[in-house]
Amino acid sequence: MNILVTGASAGFGEAISERLCSEGHRVFATARRLDRLSALAGKCGPQLVPKTLDVRDGARVAALFAEIESEYGPIDVLVNNAGLALNADPAYDVPLADWEAMVDTNIKGLMYCTHAALPGMVARNRGWIFNLGSIAGTYPYPGGNVYGATKAFVHQFSLNLRADLAGKQVRVTSIEPGLCGGTEFSVTRFHGDAERAARVYEDATPLTAVDIAHTISWLLALPPHVNINAIEMMPTSQASGNFNIVRQAAPA
């Protein structure tokens, strides 16, 4: 199969690309950092085709998808992995630029890629779109504000796509991990503060990018009549918590 993975230069995208190449698929690994993609191609061999892409650029997304389909044939699977969290401060302390960056990547970038891939999948009556969500889209937590809201969009958008695709052999799955370590996620979130990022995973055994890659590999092996709407994943060291109650005297 021809599989396009966004955000493939690190973390989930890198692990997903490597796993799917090892299983014989042709993977178009896209990201902004061509040097990282080239290194990944060195590990994966000719099955991996590196392509520079910033998913926030809608025109470039459409052009790249068209180029790939013209040269290599249809894109059978799209993995909308590119995304980020920025900041974990209360909403009233977060710079607007951080909110905008998350919306541009996590929502608009995912929309651009889906819009480019979906019509062809429908015309061929086959295909699969994997959207990388998060438990943050279901469970609110202090500092989650816009990041959690973008992941709630991913979940609901995925379900609404399936509503439009009922009866067609085009599948859509939202994969929603909890605590996941070994990636750049928290370092990016804390604007490069590696020490603060490390504390997130202290004395815990989080999920890994390999776990996410394994999940997608398993899903791709399912019979064509089976659609998994959403998968919520957490490590055994994590669970949803109680509602927060601030106990203090009522204002006069």
C-alpha atoms as a PDB file:
ATOM      1  CA  MET A   1       0.000   0.000   0.000  1.00  0.00           C
ATOM      2  CA  ASN A   2       0.940   3.638  -0.442  1.00  0.00           C
ATOM      3  CA  ILE A   3       0.845   5.281   2.992  1.00  0.00           C
ATOM      4  CA  LEU A   4       1.422   8.952   3.733  1.00  0.00           C
ATOM      5  CA  VAL A   5       2.508   9.903   7.257  1.00  0.00           C
ATOM      6  CA  THR A   6       2.680  13.504   8.432  1.00  0.00           C
ATOM      7  CA  GLY A   7       5.030  14.652  11.181  1.00  0.00           C
ATOM      8  CA  ALA A   8       7.357  11.748  10.381  1.00  0.00           C
ATOM      9  CA  SER A   9      10.645  13.323  11.442  1.00  0.00           C
ATOM     10  CA  ALA A  10      10.337  12.225  15.099  1.00  0.00           C
ATOM     11  CA  GLY A  11       8.160  10.515  17.689  1.00  0.00           C
ATOM     12  CA  PHE A  12       4.984   8.750  16.583  1.00  0.00           C
ATOM     13  CA  GLY A  13       5.453   9.568  12.913  1.00  0.00           C
ATOM     14  CA  GLU A  14       8.981   8.204  12.801  1.00  0.00           C
ATOM     15  CA  ALA A  15       8.009   4.966  14.573  1.00  0.00           C
ATOM     16  CA  ILE A  16       4.908   4.506  12.421  1.00  0.00           C
ATOM     17  CA  SER A  17       6.872   5.051   9.226  1.00  0.00           C
ATOM     18  CA  GLU A  18       9.604   2.627  10.238  1.00  0.00           C
ATOM     19  CA  ARG A  19       7.114  -0.088  11.256  1.00  0.00           C
ATOM     20  CA  LEU A  20       5.029   0.187   8.083  1.00  0.00           C
ATOM     21  CA  CYS A  21       8.097   0.147   5.842  1.00  0.00           C
ATOM     22  CA  SER A  22       9.265  -3.036   7.585  1.00  0.00           C
ATOM     23  CA  GLU A  23       5.915  -4.610   6.658  1.00  0.00           C
ATOM     24  CA  GLY A  24       6.403  -3.925   2.960  1.00  0.00           C
ATOM     25  CA  HIS A  25       4.398  -0.756   2.475  1.00  0.00           C
ATOM     26  CA  ARG A  26       5.660   2.259   0.570  1.00  0.00           C
ATOM     27  CA  VAL A  27       5.655   5.136   3.050  1.00  0.00           C
ATOM     28  CA  PHE A  28       5.725   8.800   2.103  1.00  0.00           C
ATOM     29  CA  ALA A  29       7.268  10.297   5.213  1.00  0.00           C
ATOM     30  CA  THR A  30       6.516  14.009   5.398  1.00  0.00           C
ATOM     31  CA  ALA A  31       7.733  16.702   7.765  1.00  0.00           C
ATOM     32  CA  ARG A  32       9.454  20.067   7.759  1.00  0.00           C
ATOM     33  CA  ARG A  33      12.915  18.723   8.694  1.00  0.00           C
ATOM     34  CA  LEU A  34      14.328  17.079   5.576  1.00  0.00           C
ATOM     35  CA  ASP A  35      17.571  16.104   7.330  1.00  0.00           C
ATOM     36  CA  ARG A  36      15.641  13.970   9.823  1.00  0.00           C
ATOM     37  CA  LEU A  37      13.607  12.400   7.037  1.00  0.00           C
ATOM     38  CA  SER A  38      16.764  11.597   5.081  1.00  0.00           C
ATOM     39  CA  ALA A  39      18.213   9.845   8.132  1.00  0.00           C
ATOM     40  CA  LEU A  40      14.993   7.847   8.458  1.00  0.00           C
ATOM     41  CA  ALA A  41      15.189   6.893   4.777  1.00  0.00           C
ATOM     42  CA  GLY A  42      18.713   5.632   5.443  1.00  0.00           C
ATOM     43  CA  LYS A  43      17.305   3.220   8.035  1.00  0.00           C
ATOM     44  CA  CYS A  44      14.224   2.156   6.101  1.00  0.00           C
ATOM     45  CA  GLY A  45      15.614   1.871   2.592  1.00  0.00           C
ATOM     46  CA  PRO A  46      13.768   2.488  -0.681  1.00  0.00           C
ATOM     47  CA  GLN A  47      10.371   1.701   0.856  1.00  0.00           C
ATOM     48  CA  LEU A  48      10.478   5.147   2.484  1.00  0.00           C
ATOM     49  CA  VAL A  49      10.105   8.240   0.312  1.00  0.00           C
ATOM     50  CA  PRO A  50      10.933  11.467   2.193  1.00  0.00           C
ATOM     51  CA  LYS A  51       8.936  14.583   1.303  1.00  0.00           C
ATOM     52  CA  THR A  52       9.215  18.041   2.832  1.00  0.00           C
ATOM     53  CA  LEU A  53       5.843  19.321   4.017  1.00  0.00           C
ATOM     54  CA  ASP A  54       4.469  21.898   6.416  1.00  0.00           C
ATOM     55  CA  VAL A  55       0.859  20.815   6.913  1.00  0.00           C
ATOM     56  CA  ARG A  56      -0.116  24.406   7.752  1.00  0.00           C
ATOM     57  CA  ASP A  57       0.401  25.310   4.081  1.00  0.00           C
ATOM     58  CA  GLY A  58      -2.835  24.194   2.433  1.00  0.00           C
ATOM     59  CA  ALA A  59      -1.674  24.891  -1.122  1.00  0.00           C
ATOM     60  CA  ARG A  60       1.515  22.878  -0.636  1.00  0.00           C
ATOM     61  CA  VAL A  61      -0.458  19.995   0.882  1.00  0.00           C
ATOM     62  CA  ALA A  62      -2.768  19.806  -2.136  1.00  0.00           C
ATOM     63  CA  ALA A  63       0.160  20.038  -4.565  1.00  0.00           C
ATOM     64  CA  LEU A  64       2.187  17.332  -2.826  1.00  0.00           C
ATOM     65  CA  PHE A  65      -0.702  14.869  -2.678  1.00  0.00           C
ATOM     66  CA  ALA A  66      -1.316  15.420  -6.393  1.00  0.00           C
ATOM     67  CA  GLU A  67       2.398  14.944  -7.178  1.00  0.00           C
ATOM     68  CA  ILE A  68       2.560  11.678  -5.247  1.00  0.00           C
ATOM     69  CA  GLU A  69      -0.578  10.268  -6.866  1.00  0.00           C
ATOM     70  CA  SER A  70       0.683  11.250 -10.321  1.00  0.00           C
ATOM     71  CA  GLU A  71       4.094   9.612  -9.823  1.00  0.00           C
ATOM     72  CA  TYR A  72       3.370   6.664  -7.525  1.00  0.00           C
ATOM     73  CA  GLY A  73      -0.362   6.027  -7.719  1.00  0.00           C
ATOM     74  CA  PRO A  74      -3.173   6.477  -5.211  1.00  0.00           C
ATOM     75  CA  ILE A  75      -2.597   7.124  -1.516  1.00  0.00           C
ATOM     76  CA  ASP A  76      -4.269   4.186   0.218  1.00  0.00           C
ATOM     77  CA  VAL A  77      -3.720   5.288   3.811  1.00  0.00           C
ATOM     78  CA  LEU A  78      -3.276   8.710   5.391  1.00  0.00           C
ATOM     79  CA  VAL A  79      -1.827   9.003   8.886  1.00  0.00           C
ATOM     80  CA  ASN A  80      -2.597  12.497  10.184  1.00  0.00           C
ATOM     81  CA  ASN A  81       0.071  12.524  12.866  1.00  0.00           C
ATOM     82  CA  ALA A  82       1.542  16.041  12.704  1.00  0.00           C
ATOM     83  CA  GLY A  83       0.564  17.978  15.797  1.00  0.00           C
ATOM     84  CA  LEU A  84       1.871  19.628  18.926  1.00  0.00           C
ATOM     85  CA  ALA A  85       1.090  21.005  22.334  1.00  0.00           C
ATOM     86  CA  LEU A  86       2.471  24.379  23.370  1.00  0.00           C
ATOM     87  CA  ASN A  87       2.440  25.557  26.965  1.00  0.00           C
ATOM     88  CA  ALA A  88       0.716  24.068  29.984  1.00  0.00           C
ATOM     89  CA  ASP A  89      -0.035  27.304  31.803  1.00  0.00           C
ATOM     90  CA  PRO A  90      -3.543  28.499  32.680  1.00  0.00           C
ATOM     91  CA  ALA A  91      -5.454  29.877  29.705  1.00  0.00           C
ATOM     92  CA  TYR A  92      -5.186  33.429  31.030  1.00  0.00           C
ATOM     93  CA  ASP A  93      -1.357  33.250  30.968  1.00  0.00           C
ATOM     94  CA  VAL A  94      -0.792  31.609  27.554  1.00  0.00           C
ATOM     95  CA  PRO A  95       0.431  33.749  24.623  1.00  0.00           C
ATOM     96  CA  LEU A  96      -2.107  33.871  21.806  1.00  0.00           C
ATOM     97  CA  ALA A  97       0.616  32.730  19.384  1.00  0.00           C
ATOM     98  CA  ASP A  98       0.773  29.346  21.145  1.00  0.00           C
ATOM     99  CA  TRP A  99      -2.970  28.849  20.725  1.00  0.00           C
ATOM    100  CA  GLU A 100      -2.798  29.834  17.064  1.00  0.00           C
ATOM    101  CA  ALA A 101       0.090  27.440  16.367  1.00  0.00           C
ATOM    102  CA  MET A 102      -1.875  24.513  17.823  1.00  0.00           C
ATOM    103  CA  VAL A 103      -5.018  25.353  15.860  1.00  0.00           C
ATOM    104  CA  ASP A 104      -3.037  25.809  12.632  1.00  0.00           C
ATOM    105  CA  THR A 105      -1.311  22.433  12.957  1.00  0.00           C
ATOM    106  CA  ASN A 106      -3.661  20.184  14.935  1.00  0.00           C
ATOM    107  CA  ILE A 107      -6.875  21.298  13.241  1.00  0.00           C
ATOM    108  CA  LYS A 108      -6.184  23.106   9.979  1.00  0.00           C
ATOM    109  CA  GLY A 109      -3.234  20.917   8.980  1.00  0.00           C
ATOM    110  CA  LEU A 110      -5.277  17.783   9.587  1.00  0.00           C
ATOM    111  CA  MET A 111      -8.162  19.246   7.564  1.00  0.00           C
ATOM    112  CA  TYR A 112      -5.909  20.160   4.633  1.00  0.00           C
ATOM    113  CA  CYS A 113      -4.464  16.650   4.406  1.00  0.00           C
ATOM    114  CA  THR A 114      -7.835  14.965   4.789  1.00  0.00           C
ATOM    115  CA  HIS A 115      -9.384  17.215   2.159  1.00  0.00           C
ATOM    116  CA  ALA A 116      -6.567  16.349  -0.260  1.00  0.00           C
ATOM    117  CA  ALA A 117      -6.808  12.577   0.252  1.00  0.00           C
ATOM    118  CA  LEU A 118     -10.494  11.883   0.816  1.00  0.00           C
ATOM    119  CA  PRO A 119     -12.100  12.484  -2.625  1.00  0.00           C
ATOM    120  CA  GLY A 120      -9.763   9.994  -4.304  1.00  0.00           C
ATOM    121  CA  MET A 121     -10.419   7.404  -1.621  1.00  0.00           C
ATOM    122  CA  VAL A 122     -14.160   7.804  -2.098  1.00  0.00           C
ATOM    123  CA  ALA A 123     -13.838   7.576  -5.893  1.00  0.00           C
ATOM    124  CA  ARG A 124     -11.861   4.315  -5.538  1.00  0.00           C
ATOM    125  CA  ASN A 125     -14.119   3.117  -2.704  1.00  0.00           C
ATOM    126  CA  ARG A 126     -11.174   2.187  -0.495  1.00  0.00           C
ATOM    127  CA  GLY A 127      -8.824   3.870   1.933  1.00  0.00           C
ATOM    128  CA  TRP A 128      -8.137   4.566   5.584  1.00  0.00           C
ATOM    129  CA  ILE A 129      -7.511   7.784   7.465  1.00  0.00           C
ATOM    130  CA  PHE A 130      -5.873   7.582  10.872  1.00  0.00           C
ATOM    131  CA  ASN A 131      -6.130  10.743  12.967  1.00  0.00           C
ATOM    132  CA  LEU A 132      -3.866  11.107  15.986  1.00  0.00           C
ATOM    133  CA  GLY A 133      -5.964  12.498  18.795  1.00  0.00           C
ATOM    134  CA  SER A 134      -5.394  12.401  22.545  1.00  0.00           C
ATOM    135  CA  ILE A 135      -7.159  11.624  25.786  1.00  0.00           C
ATOM    136  CA  ALA A 136      -6.844  15.389  26.284  1.00  0.00           C
ATOM    137  CA  GLY A 137      -9.781  15.673  23.896  1.00  0.00           C
ATOM    138  CA  THR A 138     -11.956  13.779  26.393  1.00  0.00           C
ATOM    139  CA  TYR A 139     -10.566  14.531  29.846  1.00  0.00           C
ATOM    140  CA  PRO A 140      -9.914  18.193  30.701  1.00  0.00           C
ATOM    141  CA  TYR A 141      -6.970  19.078  32.912  1.00  0.00           C
ATOM    142  CA  PRO A 142      -5.385  22.338  34.093  1.00  0.00           C
ATOM    143  CA  GLY A 143      -3.235  23.757  31.310  1.00  0.00           C
ATOM    144  CA  GLY A 144      -4.895  21.669  28.604  1.00  0.00           C
ATOM    145  CA  ASN A 145      -7.080  24.532  27.310  1.00  0.00           C
ATOM    146  CA  VAL A 146      -6.608  24.889  23.521  1.00  0.00           C
ATOM    147  CA  TYR A 147      -4.566  21.706  23.100  1.00  0.00           C
ATOM    148  CA  GLY A 148      -7.408  19.657  24.561  1.00  0.00           C
ATOM    149  CA  ALA A 149      -9.916  21.538  22.415  1.00  0.00           C
ATOM    150  CA  THR A 150      -7.966  20.738  19.226  1.00  0.00           C
ATOM    151  CA  LYS A 151      -7.942  17.056  20.125  1.00  0.00           C
ATOM    152  CA  ALA A 152     -11.679  17.124  20.839  1.00  0.00           C
ATOM    153  CA  PHE A 153     -11.997  18.407  17.273  1.00  0.00           C
ATOM    154  CA  VAL A 154      -9.971  15.430  16.011  1.00  0.00           C
ATOM    155  CA  HIS A 155     -12.297  12.986  17.760  1.00  0.00           C
ATOM    156  CA  GLN A 156     -15.517  14.636  16.567  1.00  0.00           C
ATOM    157  CA  PHE A 157     -14.239  15.271  13.047  1.00  0.00           C
ATOM    158  CA  SER A 158     -13.318  11.592  12.746  1.00  0.00           C
ATOM    159  CA  LEU A 159     -16.811  10.489  13.796  1.00  0.00           C
ATOM    160  CA  ASN A 160     -18.445  12.960  11.432  1.00  0.00           C
ATOM    161  CA  LEU A 161     -16.317  11.744   8.546  1.00  0.00           C
ATOM    162  CA  ARG A 162     -17.602   8.240   9.215  1.00  0.00           C
ATOM    163  CA  ALA A 163     -21.164   9.583   9.170  1.00  0.00           C
ATOM    164  CA  ASP A 164     -20.552  10.903   5.654  1.00  0.00           C
ATOM    165  CA  LEU A 165     -18.804   7.682   4.604  1.00  0.00           C
ATOM    166  CA  ALA A 166     -21.428   5.183   5.765  1.00  0.00           C
ATOM    167  CA  GLY A 167     -21.690   2.382   3.222  1.00  0.00           C
ATOM    168  CA  LYS A 168     -18.364   3.212   1.588  1.00  0.00           C
ATOM    169  CA  GLN A 169     -15.178   1.196   2.078  1.00  0.00           C
ATOM    170  CA  VAL A 170     -13.274   4.193   3.425  1.00  0.00           C
ATOM    171  CA  ARG A 171     -12.366   3.878   7.075  1.00  0.00           C
ATOM    172  CA  VAL A 172     -11.525   6.534   9.659  1.00  0.00           C
ATOM    173  CA  THR A 173     -10.007   5.925  13.085  1.00  0.00           C
ATOM    174  CA  SER A 174      -9.096   8.369  15.841  1.00  0.00           C
ATOM    175  CA  ILE A 175      -6.196   7.075  17.946  1.00  0.00           C
ATOM    176  CA  GLU A 176      -6.168   8.769  21.339  1.00  0.00           C
ATOM    177  CA  PRO A 177      -3.144   8.065  23.549  1.00  0.00           C
ATOM    178  CA  GLY A 178      -2.564   9.155  27.109  1.00  0.00           C
ATOM    179  CA  LEU A 179       0.854   9.633  28.709  1.00  0.00           C
ATOM    180  CA  CYS A 180       3.462   8.795  26.079  1.00  0.00           C
ATOM    181  CA  GLY A 181       7.208   9.225  26.545  1.00  0.00           C
ATOM    182  CA  GLY A 182      10.364   9.021  24.495  1.00  0.00           C
ATOM    183  CA  THR A 183       9.318  11.737  22.025  1.00  0.00           C
ATOM    184  CA  GLU A 184       9.822  15.481  21.607  1.00  0.00           C
ATOM    185  CA  PHE A 185       6.255  16.195  22.708  1.00  0.00           C
ATOM    186  CA  SER A 186       6.841  17.618  26.184  1.00  0.00           C
ATOM    187  CA  VAL A 187      10.098  19.360  25.273  1.00  0.00           C
ATOM    188  CA  THR A 188       8.209  21.157  22.514  1.00  0.00           C
ATOM    189  CA  ARG A 189       5.322  21.904  24.860  1.00  0.00           C
ATOM    190  CA  PHE A 190       7.652  23.568  27.362  1.00  0.00           C
ATOM    191  CA  HIS A 191       9.539  25.482  24.664  1.00  0.00           C
ATOM    192  CA  GLY A 192      12.754  23.486  25.016  1.00  0.00           C
ATOM    193  CA  ASP A 193      12.826  23.098  28.812  1.00  0.00           C
ATOM    194  CA  ALA A 194      14.084  19.488  28.904  1.00  0.00           C
ATOM    195  CA  GLU A 195      14.240  19.356  32.710  1.00  0.00           C
ATOM    196  CA  ARG A 196      10.576  20.322  33.073  1.00  0.00           C
ATOM    197  CA  ALA A 197       9.645  17.866  30.322  1.00  0.00           C
ATOM    198  CA  ALA A 198      11.482  15.022  32.073  1.00  0.00           C
ATOM    199  CA  ARG A 199       9.467  15.581  35.255  1.00  0.00           C
ATOM    200  CA  VAL A 200       6.273  14.679  33.371  1.00  0.00           C
ATOM    201  CA  TYR A 201       7.490  11.070  33.069  1.00  0.00           C
ATOM    202  CA  GLU A 202       9.321  10.775  36.377  1.00  0.00           C
ATOM    203  CA  ASP A 203       8.781   7.382  38.084  1.00  0.00           C
ATOM    204  CA  ALA A 204       6.148   6.395  35.486  1.00  0.00           C
ATOM    205  CA  THR A 205       6.097   3.883  32.647  1.00  0.00           C
ATOM    206  CA  PRO A 206       4.426   5.721  29.772  1.00  0.00           C
ATOM    207  CA  LEU A 207       3.306   4.493  26.391  1.00  0.00           C
ATOM    208  CA  THR A 208       5.904   4.716  23.637  1.00  0.00           C
ATOM    209  CA  ALA A 209       5.827   5.659  19.982  1.00  0.00           C
ATOM    210  CA  VAL A 210       6.375   1.980  19.186  1.00  0.00           C
ATOM    211  CA  ASP A 211       3.073   1.192  20.935  1.00  0.00           C
ATOM    212  CA  ILE A 212       1.276   3.609  18.620  1.00  0.00           C
ATOM    213  CA  ALA A 213       2.983   2.140  15.552  1.00  0.00           C
ATOM    214  CA  HIS A 214       1.999  -1.357  16.671  1.00  0.00           C
ATOM    215  CA  THR A 215      -1.622  -0.248  17.044  1.00  0.00           C
ATOM    216  CA  ILE A 216      -1.786   1.093  13.492  1.00  0.00           C
ATOM    217  CA  SER A 217      -0.147  -2.076  12.174  1.00  0.00           C
ATOM    218  CA  TRP A 218      -2.790  -4.161  13.971  1.00  0.00           C
ATOM    219  CA  LEU A 219      -5.623  -2.039  12.616  1.00  0.00           C
ATOM    220  CA  LEU A 220      -4.360  -2.364   9.046  1.00  0.00           C
ATOM    221  CA  ALA A 221      -4.602  -6.153   9.381  1.00  0.00           C
ATOM    222  CA  LEU A 222      -8.336  -6.071  10.160  1.00  0.00           C
ATOM    223  CA  PRO A 223     -10.875  -7.271   7.554  1.00  0.00           C
ATOM    224  CA  PRO A 224     -12.152  -4.538   5.194  1.00  0.00           C
ATOM    225  CA  HIS A 225     -15.648  -4.485   6.686  1.00  0.00           C
ATOM    226  CA  VAL A 226     -14.347  -3.517  10.158  1.00  0.00           C
ATOM    227  CA  ASN A 227     -13.976   0.141  11.170  1.00  0.00           C
ATOM    228  CA  ILE A 228     -12.618   1.062  14.589  1.00  0.00           C
ATOM    229  CA  ASN A 229     -14.052   4.499  15.321  1.00  0.00           C
ATOM    230  CA  ALA A 230     -11.692   5.430  18.140  1.00  0.00           C
ATOM    231  CA  ILE A 231      -9.068   3.817  20.333  1.00  0.00           C
ATOM    232  CA  GLU A 232      -8.323   5.336  23.746  1.00  0.00           C
ATOM    233  CA  MET A 233      -4.952   4.181  25.081  1.00  0.00           C
ATOM    234  CA  MET A 234      -3.305   4.744  28.454  1.00  0.00           C
ATOM    235  CA  PRO A 235      -0.364   3.143  30.209  1.00  0.00           C
ATOM    236  CA  THR A 236      -1.262   1.088  33.259  1.00  0.00           C
ATOM    237  CA  SER A 237       0.321   3.822  35.375  1.00  0.00           C
ATOM    238  CA  GLN A 238      -2.380   6.292  34.294  1.00  0.00           C
ATOM    239  CA  ALA A 239      -6.132   6.567  34.782  1.00  0.00           C
ATOM    240  CA  SER A 240      -8.723   9.329  34.684  1.00  0.00           C
ATOM    241  CA  GLY A 241      -8.929  11.245  37.971  1.00  0.00           C
ATOM    242  CA  ASN A 242     -11.575  12.728  40.185  1.00  0.00           C
ATOM    243  CA  PHE A 243     -13.233  16.065  39.515  1.00  0.00           C
ATOM    244  CA  ASN A 244     -11.296  18.936  41.024  1.00  0.00           C
ATOM    245  CA  ILE A 245     -13.067  20.629  43.934  1.00  0.00           C
ATOM    246  CA  VAL A 246     -11.575  23.798  45.392  1.00  0.00           C
ATOM    247  CA  ARG A 247     -12.700  23.913  49.017  1.00  0.00           C
ATOM    248  CA  GLN A 248     -12.906  27.454  50.249  1.00  0.00           C
ATOM    249  CA  ALA A 249     -15.444  29.789  51.743  1.00  0.00           C
ATOM    250  CA  ALA A 250     -17.964  31.238  49.313  1.00  0.00           C
ATOM    251  CA  PRO A 251     -17.355  34.899  48.398  1.00  0.00           C
ATOM    252  CA  ALA A 252     -19.361  37.376  50.468  1.00  0.00           C
END
